[in-house]
PDB file of N, CA and C in Angstrom:
ATOM      1  N   UNK A   1     -15.839  37.992 -22.507  1.00  0.00           N
ATOM      2  CA  UNK A   1     -16.369  37.576 -22.615  1.00  0.00           C
ATOM      3  C   UNK A   1     -16.543  37.550 -20.848  1.00  0.00           C
ATOM      4  N   UNK A   2     -17.364  37.954 -19.950  1.00  0.00           N
ATOM      5  CA  UNK A   2     -17.676  37.693 -18.260  1.00  0.00           C
ATOM      6  C   UNK A   2     -16.917  36.731 -18.134  1.00  0.00           C
ATOM      7  N   UNK A   3     -16.288  36.446 -16.662  1.00  0.00           N
ATOM      8  CA  UNK A   3     -15.848  35.278 -15.895  1.00  0.00           C
ATOM      9  C   UNK A   3     -16.694  35.590 -14.588  1.00  0.00           C
ATOM     10  N   UNK A   4     -16.949  34.684 -14.449  1.00  0.00           N
ATOM     11  CA  UNK A   4     -17.635  34.800 -12.378  1.00  0.00           C
ATOM     12  C   UNK A   4     -16.695  33.960 -11.374  1.00  0.00           C
ATOM     13  N   UNK A   5     -15.632  33.780 -12.585  1.00  0.00           N
ATOM     14  CA  UNK A   5     -14.615  33.090 -11.520  1.00  0.00           C
ATOM     15  C   UNK A   5     -13.939  34.040  -9.813  1.00  0.00           C
ATOM     16  N   UNK A   6     -14.040  35.474 -10.113  1.00  0.00           N
ATOM     17  CA  UNK A   6     -13.579  35.669  -9.074  1.00  0.00           C
ATOM     18  C   UNK A   6     -14.458  35.708  -7.880  1.00  0.00           C
ATOM     19  N   UNK A   7     -15.546  35.060  -8.155  1.00  0.00           N
ATOM     20  CA  UNK A   7     -17.030  35.466  -7.719  1.00  0.00           C
ATOM     21  C   UNK A   7     -16.596  34.075  -6.727  1.00  0.00           C
ATOM     22  N   UNK A   8     -16.210  33.065  -7.390  1.00  0.00           N
ATOM     23  CA  UNK A   8     -16.502  31.884  -6.302  1.00  0.00           C
ATOM     24  C   UNK A   8     -14.900  32.259  -5.389  1.00  0.00           C
ATOM     25  N   UNK A   9     -13.855  32.645  -6.252  1.00  0.00           N
ATOM     26  CA  UNK A   9     -12.968  32.623  -5.175  1.00  0.00           C
ATOM     27  C   UNK A   9     -13.037  33.718  -4.230  1.00  0.00           C
ATOM     28  N   UNK A  10     -14.027  34.738  -3.972  1.00  0.00           N
ATOM     29  CA  UNK A  10     -14.530  35.529  -3.249  1.00  0.00           C
ATOM     30  C   UNK A  10     -15.359  34.733  -1.876  1.00  0.00           C
ATOM     31  N   UNK A  11     -16.133  33.956  -2.046  1.00  0.00           N
ATOM     32  CA  UNK A  11     -16.874  33.174  -1.628  1.00  0.00           C
ATOM     33  C   UNK A  11     -16.266  32.245  -0.805  1.00  0.00           C
ATOM     34  N   UNK A  12     -15.039  31.174  -1.375  1.00  0.00           N
ATOM     35  CA  UNK A  12     -13.787  31.052  -1.111  1.00  0.00           C
ATOM     36  C   UNK A  12     -13.371  31.382   0.662  1.00  0.00           C
ATOM     37  N   UNK A  13     -12.707  32.675  -0.206  1.00  0.00           N
ATOM     38  CA  UNK A  13     -11.682  33.473   1.061  1.00  0.00           C
ATOM     39  C   UNK A  13     -12.079  33.931   1.731  1.00  0.00           C
ATOM     40  N   UNK A  14     -13.969  34.275   1.903  1.00  0.00           N
ATOM     41  CA  UNK A  14     -14.535  35.547   2.728  1.00  0.00           C
ATOM     42  C   UNK A  14     -15.313  33.647   3.539  1.00  0.00           C
ATOM     43  N   UNK A  15     -15.215  33.041   3.751  1.00  0.00           N
ATOM     44  CA  UNK A  15     -16.033  31.368   4.008  1.00  0.00           C
ATOM     45  C   UNK A  15     -17.352  31.610   3.636  1.00  0.00           C
ATOM     46  N   UNK A  16     -17.996  31.742   2.955  1.00  0.00           N
ATOM     47  CA  UNK A  16     -19.736  31.811   2.624  1.00  0.00           C
ATOM     48  C   UNK A  16     -20.012  30.970   1.304  1.00  0.00           C
ATOM     49  N   UNK A  17     -20.633  30.393   1.768  1.00  0.00           N
ATOM     50  CA  UNK A  17     -21.141  28.882   0.594  1.00  0.00           C
ATOM     51  C   UNK A  17     -22.528  29.321   0.305  1.00  0.00           C
ATOM     52  N   UNK A  18     -22.944  29.047  -0.707  1.00  0.00           N
ATOM     53  CA  UNK A  18     -23.889  29.339  -1.725  1.00  0.00           C
ATOM     54  C   UNK A  18     -25.340  29.367  -0.966  1.00  0.00           C
ATOM     55  N   UNK A  19     -25.097  28.601   0.457  1.00  0.00           N
ATOM     56  CA  UNK A  19     -26.247  27.889   0.732  1.00  0.00           C
ATOM     57  C   UNK A  19     -26.489  29.543   1.164  1.00  0.00           C
ATOM     58  N   UNK A  20     -25.407  29.830   2.205  1.00  0.00           N
ATOM     59  CA  UNK A  20     -26.131  31.201   2.837  1.00  0.00           C
ATOM     60  C   UNK A  20     -26.677  32.495   2.154  1.00  0.00           C
ATOM     61  N   UNK A  21     -25.448  32.926   0.893  1.00  0.00           N
ATOM     62  CA  UNK A  21     -26.302  33.118  -0.121  1.00  0.00           C
ATOM     63  C   UNK A  21     -27.838  33.183  -0.280  1.00  0.00           C
ATOM     64  N   UNK A  22     -28.394  32.219  -0.454  1.00  0.00           N
ATOM     65  CA  UNK A  22     -29.657  31.704  -0.806  1.00  0.00           C
ATOM     66  C   UNK A  22     -30.254  32.261   0.279  1.00  0.00           C
ATOM     67  N   UNK A  23     -30.057  31.447   1.327  1.00  0.00           N
ATOM     68  CA  UNK A  23     -31.209  30.822   2.816  1.00  0.00           C
ATOM     69  C   UNK A  23     -30.956  32.420   3.965  1.00  0.00           C
ATOM     70  N   UNK A  24     -29.975  32.906   3.779  1.00  0.00           N
ATOM     71  CA  UNK A  24     -29.260  33.225   5.306  1.00  0.00           C
ATOM     72  C   UNK A  24     -29.298  35.258   4.004  1.00  0.00           C
ATOM     73  N   UNK A  25     -29.493  35.397   2.816  1.00  0.00           N
ATOM     74  CA  UNK A  25     -28.677  36.685   2.309  1.00  0.00           C
ATOM     75  C   UNK A  25     -29.364  37.203   1.426  1.00  0.00           C
ATOM     76  N   UNK A  26     -30.758  35.686   0.742  1.00  0.00           N
ATOM     77  CA  UNK A  26     -32.502  36.403   0.260  1.00  0.00           C
ATOM     78  C   UNK A  26     -31.470  35.984  -1.369  1.00  0.00           C
ATOM     79  N   UNK A  27     -29.908  36.028  -1.666  1.00  0.00           N
ATOM     80  CA  UNK A  27     -30.080  35.958  -3.013  1.00  0.00           C
ATOM     81  C   UNK A  27     -30.270  34.555  -3.385  1.00  0.00           C
ATOM     82  N   UNK A  28     -31.379  34.698  -5.065  1.00  0.00           N
ATOM     83  CA  UNK A  28     -32.454  33.655  -5.582  1.00  0.00           C
ATOM     84  C   UNK A  28     -31.443  32.379  -6.010  1.00  0.00           C
ATOM     85  N   UNK A  29     -31.825  31.748  -6.031  1.00  0.00           N
ATOM     86  CA  UNK A  29     -30.636  29.873  -6.658  1.00  0.00           C
ATOM     87  C   UNK A  29     -30.832  30.357  -7.959  1.00  0.00           C
ATOM     88  N   UNK A  30     -31.698  31.527  -8.449  1.00  0.00           N
ATOM     89  CA  UNK A  30     -31.232  31.024 -10.062  1.00  0.00           C
ATOM     90  C   UNK A  30     -30.626  31.996 -10.137  1.00  0.00           C
ATOM     91  N   UNK A  31     -30.259  33.042  -9.404  1.00  0.00           N
ATOM     92  CA  UNK A  31     -29.110  34.317  -9.661  1.00  0.00           C
ATOM     93  C   UNK A  31     -27.988  32.907  -9.800  1.00  0.00           C
ATOM     94  N   UNK A  32     -27.616  32.200  -8.643  1.00  0.00           N
ATOM     95  CA  UNK A  32     -26.411  31.596  -8.473  1.00  0.00           C
ATOM     96  C   UNK A  32     -26.241  30.572  -9.785  1.00  0.00           C
ATOM     97  N   UNK A  33     -27.264  30.015  -9.966  1.00  0.00           N
ATOM     98  CA  UNK A  33     -27.392  29.447 -11.355  1.00  0.00           C
ATOM     99  C   UNK A  33     -27.205  30.316 -12.521  1.00  0.00           C
ATOM    100  N   UNK A  34     -27.488  31.115 -12.705  1.00  0.00           N
ATOM    101  CA  UNK A  34     -26.806  31.785 -13.293  1.00  0.00           C
ATOM    102  C   UNK A  34     -25.213  32.319 -13.893  1.00  0.00           C
ATOM    103  N   UNK A  35     -24.750  33.034 -12.513  1.00  0.00           N
ATOM    104  CA  UNK A  35     -23.489  32.978 -12.317  1.00  0.00           C
ATOM    105  C   UNK A  35     -22.645  31.572 -12.457  1.00  0.00           C
ATOM    106  N   UNK A  36     -23.650  30.471 -12.176  1.00  0.00           N
ATOM    107  CA  UNK A  36     -22.370  29.431 -12.608  1.00  0.00           C
ATOM    108  C   UNK A  36     -22.138  28.737 -13.763  1.00  0.00           C
ATOM    109  N   UNK A  37     -23.772  29.212 -14.777  1.00  0.00           N
ATOM    110  CA  UNK A  37     -23.822  29.012 -15.840  1.00  0.00           C
ATOM    111  C   UNK A  37     -23.021  29.795 -17.206  1.00  0.00           C
ATOM    112  N   UNK A  38     -22.285  31.265 -16.471  1.00  0.00           N
ATOM    113  CA  UNK A  38     -21.927  32.261 -17.240  1.00  0.00           C
ATOM    114  C   UNK A  38     -22.631  33.212 -17.692  1.00  0.00           C
ATOM    115  N   UNK A  39     -23.895  33.123 -17.353  1.00  0.00           N
ATOM    116  CA  UNK A  39     -25.074  34.203 -17.851  1.00  0.00           C
ATOM    117  C   UNK A  39     -24.444  35.436 -16.928  1.00  0.00           C
ATOM    118  N   UNK A  40     -25.916  36.384 -17.634  1.00  0.00           N
ATOM    119  CA  UNK A  40     -26.052  37.852 -16.973  1.00  0.00           C
ATOM    120  C   UNK A  40     -26.252  37.991 -15.748  1.00  0.00           C
ATOM    121  N   UNK A  41     -26.113  38.521 -14.971  1.00  0.00           N
ATOM    122  CA  UNK A  41     -27.145  38.947 -14.146  1.00  0.00           C
ATOM    123  C   UNK A  41     -27.458  40.511 -14.460  1.00  0.00           C
ATOM    124  N   UNK A  42     -28.198  41.098 -13.340  1.00  0.00           N
ATOM    125  CA  UNK A  42     -27.954  42.419 -13.185  1.00  0.00           C
ATOM    126  C   UNK A  42     -27.358  43.300 -13.036  1.00  0.00           C
ATOM    127  N   UNK A  43     -27.063  44.853 -12.878  1.00  0.00           N
ATOM    128  CA  UNK A  43     -26.615  45.985 -12.161  1.00  0.00           C
ATOM    129  C   UNK A  43     -26.859  46.193 -10.738  1.00  0.00           C
ATOM    130  N   UNK A  44     -28.324  45.537 -10.698  1.00  0.00           N
ATOM    131  CA  UNK A  44     -28.601  45.888  -9.487  1.00  0.00           C
ATOM    132  C   UNK A  44     -28.098  44.527  -8.718  1.00  0.00           C
ATOM    133  N   UNK A  45     -28.116  43.416  -8.746  1.00  0.00           N
ATOM    134  CA  UNK A  45     -27.558  41.694  -8.094  1.00  0.00           C
ATOM    135  C   UNK A  45     -26.144  41.897  -8.282  1.00  0.00           C
ATOM    136  N   UNK A  46     -25.657  42.687  -9.060  1.00  0.00           N
ATOM    137  CA  UNK A  46     -23.805  42.903  -8.940  1.00  0.00           C
ATOM    138  C   UNK A  46     -23.634  44.026  -7.572  1.00  0.00           C
ATOM    139  N   UNK A  47     -24.325  44.719  -7.106  1.00  0.00           N
ATOM    140  CA  UNK A  47     -24.050  45.530  -6.442  1.00  0.00           C
ATOM    141  C   UNK A  47     -24.882  45.754  -4.942  1.00  0.00           C
ATOM    142  N   UNK A  48     -25.476  43.867  -5.179  1.00  0.00           N
ATOM    143  CA  UNK A  48     -26.248  43.783  -4.009  1.00  0.00           C
ATOM    144  C   UNK A  48     -25.771  42.238  -3.247  1.00  0.00           C
ATOM    145  N   UNK A  49     -24.614  41.986  -4.444  1.00  0.00           N
ATOM    146  CA  UNK A  49     -23.411  40.872  -4.110  1.00  0.00           C
ATOM    147  C   UNK A  49     -22.651  41.671  -3.753  1.00  0.00           C
ATOM    148  N   UNK A  50     -22.215  43.168  -3.915  1.00  0.00           N
ATOM    149  CA  UNK A  50     -21.029  43.550  -3.343  1.00  0.00           C
ATOM    150  C   UNK A  50     -21.440  43.670  -1.860  1.00  0.00           C
ATOM    151  N   UNK A  51     -22.263  44.142  -1.667  1.00  0.00           N
ATOM    152  CA  UNK A  51     -22.798  44.721  -0.256  1.00  0.00           C
ATOM    153  C   UNK A  51     -22.633  43.433   0.253  1.00  0.00           C
ATOM    154  N   UNK A  52     -22.811  42.247   0.152  1.00  0.00           N
ATOM    155  CA  UNK A  52     -23.365  40.962   1.429  1.00  0.00           C
ATOM    156  C   UNK A  52     -21.278  40.888   1.390  1.00  0.00           C
ATOM    157  N   UNK A  53     -20.862  40.251   0.534  1.00  0.00           N
ATOM    158  CA  UNK A  53     -19.244  40.477   0.109  1.00  0.00           C
ATOM    159  C   UNK A  53     -18.931  41.067   1.137  1.00  0.00           C
ATOM    160  N   UNK A  54     -19.392  42.397   0.859  1.00  0.00           N
ATOM    161  CA  UNK A  54     -18.417  43.662   1.077  1.00  0.00           C
ATOM    162  C   UNK A  54     -16.680  43.331   0.336  1.00  0.00           C
ATOM    163  N   UNK A  55     -16.969  43.315  -1.202  1.00  0.00           N
ATOM    164  CA  UNK A  55     -16.606  43.940  -2.307  1.00  0.00           C
ATOM    165  C   UNK A  55     -16.045  44.455  -2.600  1.00  0.00           C
ATOM    166  N   UNK A  56     -15.506  44.865  -3.771  1.00  0.00           N
ATOM    167  CA  UNK A  56     -16.036  44.830  -4.944  1.00  0.00           C
ATOM    168  C   UNK A  56     -15.997  44.493  -6.123  1.00  0.00           C
ATOM    169  N   UNK A  57     -17.066  45.207  -7.564  1.00  0.00           N
ATOM    170  CA  UNK A  57     -16.802  44.847  -8.260  1.00  0.00           C
ATOM    171  C   UNK A  57     -15.586  43.114  -8.953  1.00  0.00           C
ATOM    172  N   UNK A  58     -14.938  44.100  -9.129  1.00  0.00           N
ATOM    173  CA  UNK A  58     -13.395  43.244  -9.689  1.00  0.00           C
ATOM    174  C   UNK A  58     -13.646  42.101  -9.015  1.00  0.00           C
ATOM    175  N   UNK A  59     -14.139  41.745  -7.587  1.00  0.00           N
ATOM    176  CA  UNK A  59     -14.096  40.641  -6.979  1.00  0.00           C
ATOM    177  C   UNK A  59     -15.308  39.818  -7.671  1.00  0.00           C
ATOM    178  N   UNK A  60     -15.805  40.230  -7.984  1.00  0.00           N
ATOM    179  CA  UNK A  60     -17.059  39.307  -8.321  1.00  0.00           C
ATOM    180  C   UNK A  60     -17.262  38.290  -9.810  1.00  0.00           C
ATOM    181  N   UNK A  61     -16.686  39.237 -11.217  1.00  0.00           N
ATOM    182  CA  UNK A  61     -16.775  39.666 -12.277  1.00  0.00           C
ATOM    183  C   UNK A  61     -15.408  39.626 -12.941  1.00  0.00           C
ATOM    184  N   UNK A  62     -14.986  39.451 -14.195  1.00  0.00           N
ATOM    185  CA  UNK A  62     -13.731  39.326 -14.657  1.00  0.00           C
ATOM    186  C   UNK A  62     -13.891  39.700 -15.745  1.00  0.00           C
ATOM    187  N   UNK A  63     -13.502  40.411 -17.081  1.00  0.00           N
ATOM    188  CA  UNK A  63     -13.912  39.851 -18.524  1.00  0.00           C
ATOM    189  C   UNK A  63     -12.519  39.584 -18.648  1.00  0.00           C
ATOM    190  N   UNK A  64     -12.781  38.724 -19.610  1.00  0.00           N
ATOM    191  CA  UNK A  64     -11.596  37.607 -20.033  1.00  0.00           C
ATOM    192  C   UNK A  64     -11.643  37.974 -22.001  1.00  0.00           C
ATOM    193  N   UNK A  65     -10.744  38.341 -21.918  1.00  0.00           N
ATOM    194  CA  UNK A  65     -10.879  38.716 -23.650  1.00  0.00           C
ATOM    195  C   UNK A  65     -10.285  38.147 -25.134  1.00  0.00           C
ATOM    196  N   UNK A  66      -9.569  36.543 -24.754  1.00  0.00           N
ATOM    197  CA  UNK A  66      -9.270  35.787 -25.013  1.00  0.00           C
ATOM    198  C   UNK A  66     -10.485  34.803 -25.632  1.00  0.00           C
ATOM    199  N   UNK A  67     -12.067  35.104 -24.901  1.00  0.00           N
ATOM    200  CA  UNK A  67     -13.174  34.199 -25.500  1.00  0.00           C
ATOM    201  C   UNK A  67     -13.470  35.025 -25.700  1.00  0.00           C
TER     202      UNK A  67
END
């Protein structure tokens, strides 16, 4: 199962809010909602988040083999 736990840790570490992602960076509120619910996002969205947050994919998501 894919976990977005690293995404929220990265946001906190970089002091970026969900509000800023939505209203200043143009990430859709639906994308944030999907991440919160653990649902799929596109690789294009993943690439955009990596660019905005200046991070690697592993700082956005991880694969949890126990679930």
